[in-house]
Amino acid sequence: MLLGYVVLVPVLLLLGYLLTHVLDNSVGRWDAHVNQWFVRQRTGAWNTITGAFTFGLNTVPVIAVAVVVVVLLVLRHHVREGLVLVFALSLEITVFLSVTFIVARPRPQVARLNATPSTSSFPSGHTAAALVLYVGIAVIVHKCTSNRLARVLADIVAVIAVVGVALSRVYRGMHHPTDVIAGAAYGAACIWFALVAVRAGSPDPTAEDDRGRSPHERHLDFRDPQVIA
């Protein structure tokens, strides 16, 4: 997990510097064009929908959902799966707080539909948290059950949550498109590092008996970081 922090923070700081300085007149202009396009699409209905997505991925709801899921996993004797979620979310928020104040990218210059928080625009913490939480849950569901319906539902929820909150943050004027792209990318990296960390911390990675499991189920073992590829 320390390696994940050491890798992600410099990469995001470099990307943030490029976006705010080197690429401000190229990528920055594209960001501004997209921001203005979303403003022109605003309606009362979409304001409500995007507001719901944003609220659902605020800090308190994310922590609440994560606590419930982790407690259920522990009660079901899936402690290591629960640790994946704990580690990934811990890494996500730690990296976010280490980067956002240093980069200090201004929010889009459009009318915003949310109160402006003290953090800066880069990267999108909401998008990163959505990906870590709901894609993380989907990965765990694939590990813990072979029920096709449960797996499909978990995947659908993950896609809706991530895409919904990413578009909502741009629509509501809170982030540039490149902020949410960076948030999604480093959120995925947080899950990968968490999977590696839990696998490395297991006393015997081969202790679990794979007999009777299909090749597909073995491939989706959470101990294999390629599960999120």
Protein backbone atom coordinates (compact mmCIF):
# COMPACT_ATOMS: atom_id res chain seq x y z
CA MET A 1 0.00 0.00 0.00
CA LEU A 2 2.92 2.33 0.71
CA LEU A 3 4.25 1.55 -2.76
CA GLY A 4 0.86 2.46 -4.21
CA TYR A 5 0.96 5.83 -2.45
CA VAL A 6 4.54 6.51 -3.52
CA VAL A 7 3.67 5.70 -7.15
CA LEU A 8 0.29 7.42 -7.47
CA VAL A 9 1.04 10.74 -5.79
CA PRO A 10 3.97 11.77 -8.04
CA VAL A 11 2.14 10.59 -11.16
CA LEU A 12 -0.94 12.65 -10.30
CA LEU A 13 1.16 15.66 -9.31
CA LEU A 14 2.93 15.52 -12.67
CA LEU A 15 -0.36 15.16 -14.53
CA GLY A 16 -1.84 18.02 -12.55
CA TYR A 17 1.14 20.23 -13.38
CA LEU A 18 0.82 19.41 -17.08
CA LEU A 19 -2.89 20.22 -17.10
CA THR A 20 -2.52 23.52 -15.23
CA HIS A 21 0.59 24.77 -17.00
CA VAL A 22 1.90 22.98 -20.09
CA LEU A 23 -1.42 21.85 -21.57
CA ASP A 24 -3.63 24.69 -20.35
CA ASN A 25 -4.02 26.21 -23.84
CA SER A 26 -4.76 22.90 -25.56
CA VAL A 27 -6.36 20.31 -23.31
CA GLY A 28 -7.55 23.12 -21.05
CA ARG A 29 -9.47 24.71 -23.93
CA TRP A 30 -11.09 21.36 -24.72
CA ASP A 31 -12.09 21.03 -21.06
CA ALA A 32 -13.67 24.49 -21.14
CA HIS A 33 -15.56 23.69 -24.36
CA VAL A 34 -17.02 20.51 -22.84
CA ASN A 35 -17.92 22.35 -19.63
CA GLN A 36 -19.88 24.94 -21.60
CA TRP A 37 -21.63 22.23 -23.62
CA PHE A 38 -22.87 20.54 -20.45
CA VAL A 39 -24.16 23.86 -19.10
CA ARG A 40 -26.30 24.26 -22.22
CA GLN A 41 -27.84 20.82 -21.64
CA ARG A 42 -29.08 21.59 -18.14
CA THR A 43 -32.73 20.92 -17.33
CA GLY A 44 -34.65 20.58 -14.10
CA ALA A 45 -34.85 16.80 -14.40
CA TRP A 46 -31.14 16.37 -15.10
CA ASN A 47 -30.30 18.73 -12.26
CA THR A 48 -32.18 16.43 -9.89
CA ILE A 49 -30.66 13.23 -11.26
CA THR A 50 -27.10 14.52 -11.21
CA GLY A 51 -27.66 15.95 -7.74
CA ALA A 52 -28.65 12.49 -6.52
CA PHE A 53 -25.52 10.93 -8.01
CA THR A 54 -23.32 13.57 -6.39
CA PHE A 55 -24.98 13.18 -2.98
CA GLY A 56 -24.68 9.40 -3.16
CA LEU A 57 -20.93 9.63 -3.57
CA ASN A 58 -20.29 12.23 -0.87
CA THR A 59 -17.98 11.17 1.96
CA VAL A 60 -20.65 10.10 4.46
CA PRO A 61 -22.69 7.86 2.08
CA VAL A 62 -19.50 6.24 0.74
CA ILE A 63 -18.27 5.46 4.25
CA ALA A 64 -21.71 4.18 5.26
CA VAL A 65 -21.98 1.79 2.29
CA ALA A 66 -18.40 0.62 2.77
CA VAL A 67 -18.91 -0.08 6.48
CA VAL A 68 -22.07 -2.10 5.82
CA VAL A 69 -20.39 -4.14 3.07
CA VAL A 70 -17.23 -4.79 5.11
CA VAL A 71 -19.24 -5.83 8.20
CA LEU A 72 -21.31 -8.23 6.11
CA LEU A 73 -18.15 -9.70 4.58
CA VAL A 74 -16.57 -10.20 8.00
CA LEU A 75 -19.72 -11.86 9.32
CA ARG A 76 -19.63 -14.17 6.29
CA HIS A 77 -15.97 -14.98 7.01
CA HIS A 78 -14.68 -13.09 3.98
CA VAL A 79 -12.20 -10.95 5.92
CA ARG A 80 -9.61 -10.64 3.17
CA GLU A 81 -12.24 -9.50 0.67
CA GLY A 82 -13.31 -6.84 3.16
CA LEU A 83 -9.71 -5.72 3.51
CA VAL A 84 -9.53 -5.14 -0.24
CA LEU A 85 -12.27 -2.53 0.09
CA VAL A 86 -10.76 -0.97 3.22
CA PHE A 87 -7.30 -0.71 1.70
CA ALA A 88 -8.51 0.63 -1.64
CA LEU A 89 -10.68 3.36 -0.08
CA SER A 90 -7.94 4.32 2.38
CA LEU A 91 -5.43 4.67 -0.44
CA GLU A 92 -7.91 6.62 -2.56
CA ILE A 93 -8.64 9.29 0.07
CA THR A 94 -4.99 9.55 1.16
CA VAL A 95 -3.76 10.07 -2.38
CA PHE A 96 -6.57 12.53 -3.11
CA LEU A 97 -5.81 14.73 -0.10
CA SER A 98 -2.08 14.66 -0.90
CA VAL A 99 -2.63 15.86 -4.46
CA THR A 100 -5.63 18.17 -4.60
CA PHE A 101 -4.26 21.03 -2.47
CA ILE A 102 -0.85 20.98 -4.17
CA VAL A 103 -2.17 21.02 -7.73
CA ALA A 104 -4.87 23.56 -6.75
CA ARG A 105 -6.55 23.49 -10.15
CA PRO A 106 -9.41 26.02 -10.30
CA ARG A 107 -12.94 24.74 -10.74
CA PRO A 108 -14.57 25.25 -14.17
CA GLN A 109 -15.58 28.83 -14.87
CA VAL A 110 -19.28 28.05 -15.18
CA ALA A 111 -22.27 28.35 -12.88
CA ARG A 112 -21.97 25.53 -10.33
CA LEU A 113 -24.91 23.56 -8.99
CA ASN A 114 -23.14 22.57 -5.76
CA ALA A 115 -21.41 24.50 -3.03
CA THR A 116 -17.70 24.73 -3.81
CA PRO A 117 -15.65 22.62 -1.35
CA SER A 118 -12.22 23.60 -0.06
CA THR A 119 -10.53 21.01 -2.28
CA SER A 120 -9.50 21.90 -5.83
CA SER A 121 -10.84 20.56 -9.12
CA PHE A 122 -8.09 17.98 -9.77
CA PRO A 123 -8.58 15.04 -9.46
CA SER A 124 -12.25 14.13 -9.05
CA GLY A 125 -12.52 12.47 -5.66
CA HIS A 126 -16.17 11.59 -6.27
CA THR A 127 -15.30 9.66 -9.42
CA ALA A 128 -12.38 7.87 -7.77
CA ALA A 129 -14.51 6.94 -4.75
CA ALA A 130 -17.34 5.66 -6.96
CA LEU A 131 -14.98 3.44 -8.90
CA VAL A 132 -13.18 2.12 -5.82
CA LEU A 133 -16.38 1.39 -3.92
CA TYR A 134 -18.65 -0.07 -6.57
CA VAL A 135 -16.10 -1.71 -8.85
CA GLY A 136 -14.48 -3.05 -5.69
CA ILE A 137 -17.82 -4.52 -4.63
CA ALA A 138 -18.27 -6.04 -8.09
CA VAL A 139 -14.84 -7.68 -7.87
CA ILE A 140 -15.73 -9.09 -4.46
CA VAL A 141 -19.08 -10.39 -5.70
CA HIS A 142 -17.29 -12.21 -8.53
CA LYS A 143 -14.96 -13.75 -5.95
CA CYS A 144 -17.58 -14.76 -3.40
CA THR A 145 -20.35 -16.19 -5.56
CA SER A 146 -20.83 -18.00 -8.84
CA ASN A 147 -24.42 -16.69 -9.09
CA ARG A 148 -24.60 -15.17 -12.56
CA LEU A 149 -27.44 -12.80 -11.68
CA ALA A 150 -25.58 -11.40 -8.67
CA ARG A 151 -22.48 -10.86 -10.76
CA VAL A 152 -24.35 -9.13 -13.57
CA LEU A 153 -26.23 -6.88 -11.13
CA ALA A 154 -23.00 -5.92 -9.37
CA ASP A 155 -21.40 -5.07 -12.72
CA ILE A 156 -24.40 -2.99 -13.81
CA VAL A 157 -24.47 -1.05 -10.54
CA ALA A 158 -20.73 -0.39 -10.83
CA VAL A 159 -21.03 0.95 -14.38
CA ILE A 160 -24.03 3.15 -13.55
CA ALA A 161 -22.37 4.53 -10.41
CA VAL A 162 -19.05 5.37 -12.05
CA VAL A 163 -20.40 6.77 -15.32
CA GLY A 164 -23.26 8.54 -13.57
CA VAL A 165 -21.12 10.37 -11.02
CA ALA A 166 -18.39 11.19 -13.57
CA LEU A 167 -20.87 12.85 -15.94
CA SER A 168 -22.69 14.49 -13.02
CA ARG A 169 -19.56 16.20 -11.71
CA VAL A 170 -18.88 17.76 -15.12
CA TYR A 171 -22.56 18.56 -15.72
CA ARG A 172 -22.82 20.37 -12.38
CA GLY A 173 -19.72 22.46 -13.08
CA MET A 174 -17.63 20.92 -10.31
CA HIS A 175 -14.90 19.30 -12.41
CA HIS A 176 -13.26 19.45 -15.81
CA PRO A 177 -13.55 16.29 -17.95
CA THR A 178 -9.85 15.54 -17.45
CA ASP A 179 -10.40 15.67 -13.67
CA VAL A 180 -12.91 12.83 -13.80
CA ILE A 181 -10.75 10.84 -16.23
CA ALA A 182 -7.83 11.13 -13.81
CA GLY A 183 -10.12 10.21 -10.91
CA ALA A 184 -11.31 7.06 -12.64
CA ALA A 185 -7.77 6.05 -13.59
CA TYR A 186 -6.28 6.41 -10.14
CA GLY A 187 -9.37 4.81 -8.57
CA ALA A 188 -8.73 1.71 -10.68
CA ALA A 189 -5.08 1.79 -9.62
CA CYS A 190 -6.14 1.92 -5.96
CA ILE A 191 -8.14 -1.30 -6.37
CA TRP A 192 -5.19 -2.98 -8.09
CA PHE A 193 -2.78 -2.02 -5.34
CA ALA A 194 -5.27 -3.17 -2.69
CA LEU A 195 -5.60 -6.56 -4.38
CA VAL A 196 -1.82 -6.89 -4.51
CA ALA A 197 -1.49 -5.84 -0.86
CA VAL A 198 -4.03 -8.38 0.40
CA ARG A 199 -2.47 -11.09 -1.71
CA ALA A 200 1.01 -10.23 -0.40
CA GLY A 201 -0.29 -10.23 3.18
CA SER A 202 -1.82 -13.69 2.90
CA PRO A 203 0.30 -16.24 4.81
CA ASP A 204 -0.09 -18.83 2.05
CA PRO A 205 -1.46 -17.62 -1.30
CA THR A 206 -2.04 -21.22 -2.37
CA ALA A 207 -3.77 -22.34 0.81
CA GLU A 208 -7.30 -22.00 -0.56
CA ASP A 209 -8.48 -25.25 -2.11
CA ASP A 210 -9.35 -24.62 -5.75
CA ARG A 211 -10.66 -28.13 -6.33
CA GLY A 212 -14.18 -28.17 -7.65
CA ARG A 213 -13.99 -24.60 -8.96
CA SER A 214 -14.30 -23.91 -12.66
CA PRO A 215 -11.37 -22.30 -14.52
CA HIS A 216 -13.48 -19.14 -14.83
CA GLU A 217 -13.97 -18.95 -11.06
CA ARG A 218 -10.28 -19.53 -10.42
CA HIS A 219 -9.43 -16.76 -12.85
CA LEU A 220 -11.59 -14.33 -10.89
CA ASP A 221 -9.86 -15.06 -7.59
CA PHE A 222 -9.35 -11.71 -5.86
CA ARG A 223 -5.78 -12.68 -5.12
CA ASP A 224 -5.03 -12.26 -8.82
CA PRO A 225 -4.62 -8.53 -9.60
CA GLN A 226 -5.60 -9.25 -13.20
CA VAL A 227 -9.19 -9.72 -11.98
CA ILE A 228 -9.86 -6.04 -12.65
CA ALA A 229 -8.32 -6.02 -16.11
